[in-house]
C-alpha atoms as a PDB file:
ATOM      1  CA  UNK A   1      31.880 -53.281 121.960  1.00  0.00           C
ATOM      2  CA  UNK A   2      29.030 -51.029 121.574  1.00  0.00           C
ATOM      3  CA  UNK A   3      27.322 -52.383 118.210  1.00  0.00           C
ATOM      4  CA  UNK A   4      24.305 -51.265 116.970  1.00  0.00           C
ATOM      5  CA  UNK A   5      21.940 -53.197 114.099  1.00  0.00           C
ATOM      6  CA  UNK A   6      20.449 -51.030 111.739  1.00  0.00           C
ATOM      7  CA  UNK A   7      17.935 -52.077 108.980  1.00  0.00           C
ATOM      8  CA  UNK A   8      15.752 -49.596 106.682  1.00  0.00           C
ATOM      9  CA  UNK A   9      12.790 -49.767 104.441  1.00  0.00           C
ATOM     10  CA  UNK A  10      11.149 -52.778 105.251  1.00  0.00           C
ATOM     11  CA  UNK A  11       8.358 -52.191 103.497  1.00  0.00           C
ATOM     12  CA  UNK A  12       5.708 -54.752 106.045  1.00  0.00           C
ATOM     13  CA  UNK A  13       7.913 -57.577 104.708  1.00  0.00           C
ATOM     14  CA  UNK A  14       8.976 -59.388 107.721  1.00  0.00           C
ATOM     15  CA  UNK A  15      10.490 -62.378 107.312  1.00  0.00           C
ATOM     16  CA  UNK A  16      14.073 -59.830 105.663  1.00  0.00           C
ATOM     17  CA  UNK A  17      13.104 -58.209 109.215  1.00  0.00           C
ATOM     18  CA  UNK A  18      12.906 -61.328 111.145  1.00  0.00           C
ATOM     19  CA  UNK A  19      16.313 -62.862 109.812  1.00  0.00           C
ATOM     20  CA  UNK A  20      18.507 -59.259 110.262  1.00  0.00           C
ATOM     21  CA  UNK A  21      16.996 -59.301 114.154  1.00  0.00           C
ATOM     22  CA  UNK A  22      18.199 -63.167 114.610  1.00  0.00           C
ATOM     23  CA  UNK A  23      21.424 -61.948 112.922  1.00  0.00           C
ATOM     24  CA  UNK A  24      21.918 -58.888 115.294  1.00  0.00           C
ATOM     25  CA  UNK A  25      21.119 -61.316 118.437  1.00  0.00           C
ATOM     26  CA  UNK A  26      23.394 -63.918 117.238  1.00  0.00           C
ATOM     27  CA  UNK A  27      26.362 -60.923 116.628  1.00  0.00           C
ATOM     28  CA  UNK A  28      24.789 -59.551 120.736  1.00  0.00           C
ATOM     29  CA  UNK A  29      24.133 -56.191 119.431  1.00  0.00           C
ATOM     30  CA  UNK A  30      23.388 -53.309 122.212  1.00  0.00           C
ATOM     31  CA  UNK A  31      20.549 -51.815 119.693  1.00  0.00           C
ATOM     32  CA  UNK A  32      18.443 -51.991 116.861  1.00  0.00           C
ATOM     33  CA  UNK A  33      17.375 -48.889 114.818  1.00  0.00           C
ATOM     34  CA  UNK A  34      15.567 -48.548 111.576  1.00  0.00           C
ATOM     35  CA  UNK A  35      14.914 -45.655 109.751  1.00  0.00           C
ATOM     36  CA  UNK A  36      11.427 -45.548 108.690  1.00  0.00           C
ATOM     37  CA  UNK A  37       9.425 -46.811 105.407  1.00  0.00           C
ATOM     38  CA  UNK A  38       7.884 -49.422 107.645  1.00  0.00           C
ATOM     39  CA  UNK A  39       4.659 -49.601 105.975  1.00  0.00           C
ATOM     40  CA  UNK A  40       4.067 -49.885 101.842  1.00  0.00           C
ATOM     41  CA  UNK A  41       4.363 -52.281  98.839  1.00  0.00           C
ATOM     42  CA  UNK A  42       3.926 -55.276 100.472  1.00  0.00           C
ATOM     43  CA  UNK A  43       1.243 -56.297 102.753  1.00  0.00           C
ATOM     44  CA  UNK A  44       1.987 -57.853 106.209  1.00  0.00           C
ATOM     45  CA  UNK A  45       2.315 -54.612 108.512  1.00  0.00           C
ATOM     46  CA  UNK A  46       1.092 -56.312 111.271  1.00  0.00           C
ATOM     47  CA  UNK A  47       3.770 -58.771 111.625  1.00  0.00           C
ATOM     48  CA  UNK A  48       6.365 -56.332 110.784  1.00  0.00           C
ATOM     49  CA  UNK A  49       5.569 -54.703 113.366  1.00  0.00           C
ATOM     50  CA  UNK A  50       5.107 -57.020 115.382  1.00  0.00           C
ATOM     51  CA  UNK A  51       8.933 -58.097 115.117  1.00  0.00           C
ATOM     52  CA  UNK A  52      10.296 -54.487 115.285  1.00  0.00           C
ATOM     53  CA  UNK A  53       8.357 -54.294 119.006  1.00  0.00           C
ATOM     54  CA  UNK A  54       9.551 -57.888 120.167  1.00  0.00           C
ATOM     55  CA  UNK A  55      12.817 -56.482 119.392  1.00  0.00           C
ATOM     56  CA  UNK A  56      12.384 -53.297 121.078  1.00  0.00           C
ATOM     57  CA  UNK A  57      13.797 -51.135 117.916  1.00  0.00           C
ATOM     58  CA  UNK A  58      14.298 -47.723 117.660  1.00  0.00           C
ATOM     59  CA  UNK A  59      12.173 -46.528 114.200  1.00  0.00           C
ATOM     60  CA  UNK A  60      11.966 -43.023 112.917  1.00  0.00           C
ATOM     61  CA  UNK A  61       8.501 -42.440 110.667  1.00  0.00           C
ATOM     62  CA  UNK A  62       8.621 -42.670 106.810  1.00  0.00           C
ATOM     63  CA  UNK A  63       7.117 -41.476 103.991  1.00  0.00           C
ATOM     64  CA  UNK A  64       5.315 -44.617 103.166  1.00  0.00           C
ATOM     65  CA  UNK A  65       4.488 -44.367 107.229  1.00  0.00           C
ATOM     66  CA  UNK A  66       2.909 -40.865 106.920  1.00  0.00           C
ATOM     67  CA  UNK A  67       1.279 -41.899 103.160  1.00  0.00           C
ATOM     68  CA  UNK A  68      -0.692 -45.013 104.897  1.00  0.00           C
ATOM     69  CA  UNK A  69      -1.740 -42.946 108.105  1.00  0.00           C
ATOM     70  CA  UNK A  70      -3.267 -40.832 105.483  1.00  0.00           C
ATOM     71  CA  UNK A  71      -5.580 -43.769 103.863  1.00  0.00           C
ATOM     72  CA  UNK A  72      -5.668 -45.786 107.157  1.00  0.00           C
ATOM     73  CA  UNK A  73      -5.539 -43.319 110.131  1.00  0.00           C
ATOM     74  CA  UNK A  74      -8.997 -43.170 110.591  1.00  0.00           C
ATOM     75  CA  UNK A  75      -8.569 -47.147 112.505  1.00  0.00           C
ATOM     76  CA  UNK A  76      -7.227 -45.462 115.578  1.00  0.00           C
ATOM     77  CA  UNK A  77      -7.946 -49.195 117.395  1.00  0.00           C
ATOM     78  CA  UNK A  78      -5.469 -51.242 115.554  1.00  0.00           C
ATOM     79  CA  UNK A  79      -2.127 -51.845 117.127  1.00  0.00           C
ATOM     80  CA  UNK A  80       0.171 -51.203 113.861  1.00  0.00           C
ATOM     81  CA  UNK A  81      -1.449 -48.152 113.026  1.00  0.00           C
ATOM     82  CA  UNK A  82      -1.367 -46.612 116.630  1.00  0.00           C
ATOM     83  CA  UNK A  83       2.693 -47.929 116.086  1.00  0.00           C
ATOM     84  CA  UNK A  84       2.849 -45.733 113.036  1.00  0.00           C
ATOM     85  CA  UNK A  85       1.106 -42.610 114.411  1.00  0.00           C
ATOM     86  CA  UNK A  86       3.682 -42.814 117.893  1.00  0.00           C
ATOM     87  CA  UNK A  87       6.641 -42.783 114.917  1.00  0.00           C
ATOM     88  CA  UNK A  88       8.770 -39.410 116.057  1.00  0.00           C
ATOM     89  CA  UNK A  89      11.244 -37.765 112.589  1.00  0.00           C
ATOM     90  CA  UNK A  90      14.212 -38.134 114.104  1.00  0.00           C
ATOM     91  CA  UNK A  91      16.362 -40.484 117.004  1.00  0.00           C
ATOM     92  CA  UNK A  92      19.147 -39.669 118.386  1.00  0.00           C
ATOM     93  CA  UNK A  93      21.052 -41.696 120.944  1.00  0.00           C
ATOM     94  CA  UNK A  94      25.011 -41.395 122.121  1.00  0.00           C
ATOM     95  CA  UNK A  95      26.891 -44.371 122.905  1.00  0.00           C
ATOM     96  CA  UNK A  96      30.670 -45.135 122.963  1.00  0.00           C
ATOM     97  CA  UNK A  97      31.495 -41.479 123.427  1.00  0.00           C
ATOM     98  CA  UNK A  98      29.818 -41.462 119.660  1.00  0.00           C
ATOM     99  CA  UNK A  99      26.639 -39.137 119.215  1.00  0.00           C
ATOM    100  CA  UNK A 100      24.688 -40.754 116.307  1.00  0.00           C
ATOM    101  CA  UNK A 101      21.122 -39.543 114.751  1.00  0.00           C
ATOM    102  CA  UNK A 102      18.591 -40.928 112.544  1.00  0.00           C
ATOM    103  CA  UNK A 103      16.388 -39.462 109.934  1.00  0.00           C
ATOM    104  CA  UNK A 104      14.359 -41.059 107.070  1.00  0.00           C
ATOM    105  CA  UNK A 105      15.545 -39.217 103.969  1.00  0.00           C
ATOM    106  CA  UNK A 106      17.815 -36.685 105.602  1.00  0.00           C
ATOM    107  CA  UNK A 107      18.685 -33.896 108.285  1.00  0.00           C
ATOM    108  CA  UNK A 108      16.771 -32.095 110.206  1.00  0.00           C
ATOM    109  CA  UNK A 109      13.502 -33.921 109.937  1.00  0.00           C
ATOM    110  CA  UNK A 110      12.997 -34.749 105.804  1.00  0.00           C
ATOM    111  CA  UNK A 111      11.366 -37.824 105.217  1.00  0.00           C
ATOM    112  CA  UNK A 112      11.533 -36.977 101.247  1.00  0.00           C
ATOM    113  CA  UNK A 113      14.614 -36.187  99.346  1.00  0.00           C
ATOM    114  CA  UNK A 114      17.294 -38.334 101.032  1.00  0.00           C
ATOM    115  CA  UNK A 115      21.025 -38.754 100.692  1.00  0.00           C
ATOM    116  CA  UNK A 116      21.992 -40.034  97.299  1.00  0.00           C
ATOM    117  CA  UNK A 117      25.203 -41.118  96.306  1.00  0.00           C
ATOM    118  CA  UNK A 118      25.083 -44.103  94.015  1.00  0.00           C
ATOM    119  CA  UNK A 119      24.725 -44.572  90.516  1.00  0.00           C
ATOM    120  CA  UNK A 120      22.494 -47.864  88.622  1.00  0.00           C
ATOM    121  CA  UNK A 121      25.618 -49.987  89.510  1.00  0.00           C
ATOM    122  CA  UNK A 122      26.143 -49.065  92.578  1.00  0.00           C
ATOM    123  CA  UNK A 123      28.974 -47.174  92.189  1.00  0.00           C
ATOM    124  CA  UNK A 124      29.251 -43.070  93.643  1.00  0.00           C
ATOM    125  CA  UNK A 125      28.589 -40.585  91.097  1.00  0.00           C
ATOM    126  CA  UNK A 126      30.698 -37.787  90.674  1.00  0.00           C
ATOM    127  CA  UNK A 127      30.386 -34.848  93.127  1.00  0.00           C
ATOM    128  CA  UNK A 128      27.619 -36.290  95.033  1.00  0.00           C
ATOM    129  CA  UNK A 129      30.218 -37.003  97.759  1.00  0.00           C
ATOM    130  CA  UNK A 130      31.472 -33.292  97.632  1.00  0.00           C
ATOM    131  CA  UNK A 131      28.068 -32.010  97.471  1.00  0.00           C
ATOM    132  CA  UNK A 132      26.907 -33.878 100.623  1.00  0.00           C
ATOM    133  CA  UNK A 133      30.386 -33.658 102.367  1.00  0.00           C
ATOM    134  CA  UNK A 134      29.687 -29.538 102.021  1.00  0.00           C
ATOM    135  CA  UNK A 135      25.949 -30.166 103.308  1.00  0.00           C
ATOM    136  CA  UNK A 136      26.807 -32.040 106.704  1.00  0.00           C
ATOM    137  CA  UNK A 137      29.906 -29.823 107.156  1.00  0.00           C
ATOM    138  CA  UNK A 138      28.370 -28.444 110.100  1.00  0.00           C
ATOM    139  CA  UNK A 139      26.280 -31.645 111.108  1.00  0.00           C
ATOM    140  CA  UNK A 140      27.356 -31.902 114.668  1.00  0.00           C
ATOM    141  CA  UNK A 141      27.011 -35.630 115.262  1.00  0.00           C
ATOM    142  CA  UNK A 142      29.768 -38.588 114.836  1.00  0.00           C
ATOM    143  CA  UNK A 143      26.956 -40.645 112.569  1.00  0.00           C
ATOM    144  CA  UNK A 144      24.190 -40.154 110.513  1.00  0.00           C
ATOM    145  CA  UNK A 145      21.500 -43.317 110.461  1.00  0.00           C
ATOM    146  CA  UNK A 146      19.275 -42.750 106.235  1.00  0.00           C
ATOM    147  CA  UNK A 147      16.814 -44.635 104.174  1.00  0.00           C
ATOM    148  CA  UNK A 148      14.321 -44.015 101.725  1.00  0.00           C
ATOM    149  CA  UNK A 149      16.955 -44.260  98.612  1.00  0.00           C
ATOM    150  CA  UNK A 150      17.035 -47.869  98.865  1.00  0.00           C
ATOM    151  CA  UNK A 151      20.873 -47.877  98.795  1.00  0.00           C
ATOM    152  CA  UNK A 152      23.688 -49.426 100.252  1.00  0.00           C
ATOM    153  CA  UNK A 153      26.605 -47.713 101.622  1.00  0.00           C
ATOM    154  CA  UNK A 154      28.871 -46.179 104.145  1.00  0.00           C
ATOM    155  CA  UNK A 155      30.678 -43.061 103.618  1.00  0.00           C
ATOM    156  CA  UNK A 156      31.982 -40.658 105.685  1.00  0.00           C
ATOM    157  CA  UNK A 157      30.949 -36.626 104.781  1.00  0.00           C
ATOM    158  CA  UNK A 158      31.702 -33.616 106.480  1.00  0.00           C
ATOM    159  CA  UNK A 159      33.424 -35.432 109.548  1.00  0.00           C
ATOM    160  CA  UNK A 160      30.282 -37.329 109.646  1.00  0.00           C
ATOM    161  CA  UNK A 161      29.862 -41.375 109.333  1.00  0.00           C
ATOM    162  CA  UNK A 162      27.146 -41.320 106.662  1.00  0.00           C
ATOM    163  CA  UNK A 163      25.239 -45.340 106.441  1.00  0.00           C
ATOM    164  CA  UNK A 164      22.245 -46.201 105.108  1.00  0.00           C
ATOM    165  CA  UNK A 165      21.854 -49.932 105.384  1.00  0.00           C
ATOM    166  CA  UNK A 166      19.367 -50.440 102.171  1.00  0.00           C
ATOM    167  CA  UNK A 167      15.974 -51.733 101.948  1.00  0.00           C
ATOM    168  CA  UNK A 168      16.238 -55.275 104.226  1.00  0.00           C
ATOM    169  CA  UNK A 169      13.714 -56.631 101.255  1.00  0.00           C
ATOM    170  CA  UNK A 170      14.478 -54.520  98.303  1.00  0.00           C
ATOM    171  CA  UNK A 171      18.672 -54.084  98.668  1.00  0.00           C
ATOM    172  CA  UNK A 172      18.315 -57.941 100.808  1.00  0.00           C
ATOM    173  CA  UNK A 173      20.784 -56.087 103.203  1.00  0.00           C
ATOM    174  CA  UNK A 174      21.244 -54.655 106.448  1.00  0.00           C
ATOM    175  CA  UNK A 175      24.225 -53.395 108.613  1.00  0.00           C
ATOM    176  CA  UNK A 176      25.894 -53.930 111.816  1.00  0.00           C
ATOM    177  CA  UNK A 177      27.672 -50.377 113.196  1.00  0.00           C
ATOM    178  CA  UNK A 178      30.394 -50.698 115.778  1.00  0.00           C
ATOM    179  CA  UNK A 179      30.603 -47.154 117.600  1.00  0.00           C
ATOM    180  CA  UNK A 180      34.143 -48.336 119.256  1.00  0.00           C
ATOM    181  CA  UNK A 181      35.867 -48.079 115.966  1.00  0.00           C
ATOM    182  CA  UNK A 182      33.550 -47.028 113.844  1.00  0.00           C
ATOM    183  CA  UNK A 183      33.534 -49.853 111.349  1.00  0.00           C
ATOM    184  CA  UNK A 184      29.984 -50.764 109.245  1.00  0.00           C
ATOM    185  CA  UNK A 185      29.278 -54.296 108.098  1.00  0.00           C
ATOM    186  CA  UNK A 186      27.125 -54.989 105.332  1.00  0.00           C
ATOM    187  CA  UNK A 187      25.361 -58.228 105.626  1.00  0.00           C
ATOM    188  CA  UNK A 188      23.130 -60.120 102.399  1.00  0.00           C
ATOM    189  CA  UNK A 189      19.660 -61.074 103.871  1.00  0.00           C
ATOM    190  CA  UNK A 190      17.198 -63.939 102.079  1.00  0.00           C
ATOM    191  CA  UNK A 191      19.989 -65.392 100.387  1.00  0.00           C
ATOM    192  CA  UNK A 192      20.592 -63.288  98.277  1.00  0.00           C
ATOM    193  CA  UNK A 193      23.418 -60.705  97.185  1.00  0.00           C
ATOM    194  CA  UNK A 194      23.277 -57.257  98.131  1.00  0.00           C
ATOM    195  CA  UNK A 195      21.687 -54.845  95.576  1.00  0.00           C
ATOM    196  CA  UNK A 196      23.116 -51.002  96.228  1.00  0.00           C
ATOM    197  CA  UNK A 197      20.746 -49.565  94.427  1.00  0.00           C
ATOM    198  CA  UNK A 198      17.450 -50.332  93.878  1.00  0.00           C
ATOM    199  CA  UNK A 199      14.659 -48.504  92.407  1.00  0.00           C
ATOM    200  CA  UNK A 200      15.675 -47.747  88.643  1.00  0.00           C
ATOM    201  CA  UNK A 201      14.038 -47.606  85.421  1.00  0.00           C
ATOM    202  CA  UNK A 202      13.674 -51.265  85.983  1.00  0.00           C
ATOM    203  CA  UNK A 203      11.741 -51.224  88.980  1.00  0.00           C
ATOM    204  CA  UNK A 204       9.083 -49.741  90.554  1.00  0.00           C
ATOM    205  CA  UNK A 205       9.208 -46.676  91.687  1.00  0.00           C
ATOM    206  CA  UNK A 206       8.822 -44.500  95.328  1.00  0.00           C
ATOM    207  CA  UNK A 207       6.347 -42.468  96.139  1.00  0.00           C
ATOM    208  CA  UNK A 208       7.763 -39.058  96.631  1.00  0.00           C
END
């Protein structure tokens, strides 16, 4: 099998990241990917970065990472700062004949905006699937991995399997993608039920 572990929007909270990594290791994943926003909200960035590095997690930069660097980028000697500075905007890979593309918010290389499909009840909003199917019609990849919106979904749009594993800390979720059969398993974290949508009026608003 070709299994890919997926996390996103970990926001300097190491406990759910460590739990997700342990789950991935137990399932025998071939690669771990993180769709950005390592920094932001929580205050354990060093511990979180250490976990990502130890697990050889391939990571892209998010908007919170960019904001953090603007505030703290002069601390060039800090390992976590250097880690964030070196994050690419996008990541591509090919495995089992499938081509995968990862970006924080939306292609080609946006860390803002994002693919928002779900309403506050976690249901696909009318017209959103059609809108993104049209936008992705010429996108020449089999899988698109995104984060940013704190929404949990795996949907075919424009012939592309679009996966958002959700925020490990706020949606309490991670995912495992099987590239051979193109199936996605969403996995709950922290003993919580997966919250498909996080970031509405009753919650804090993420930085744009």
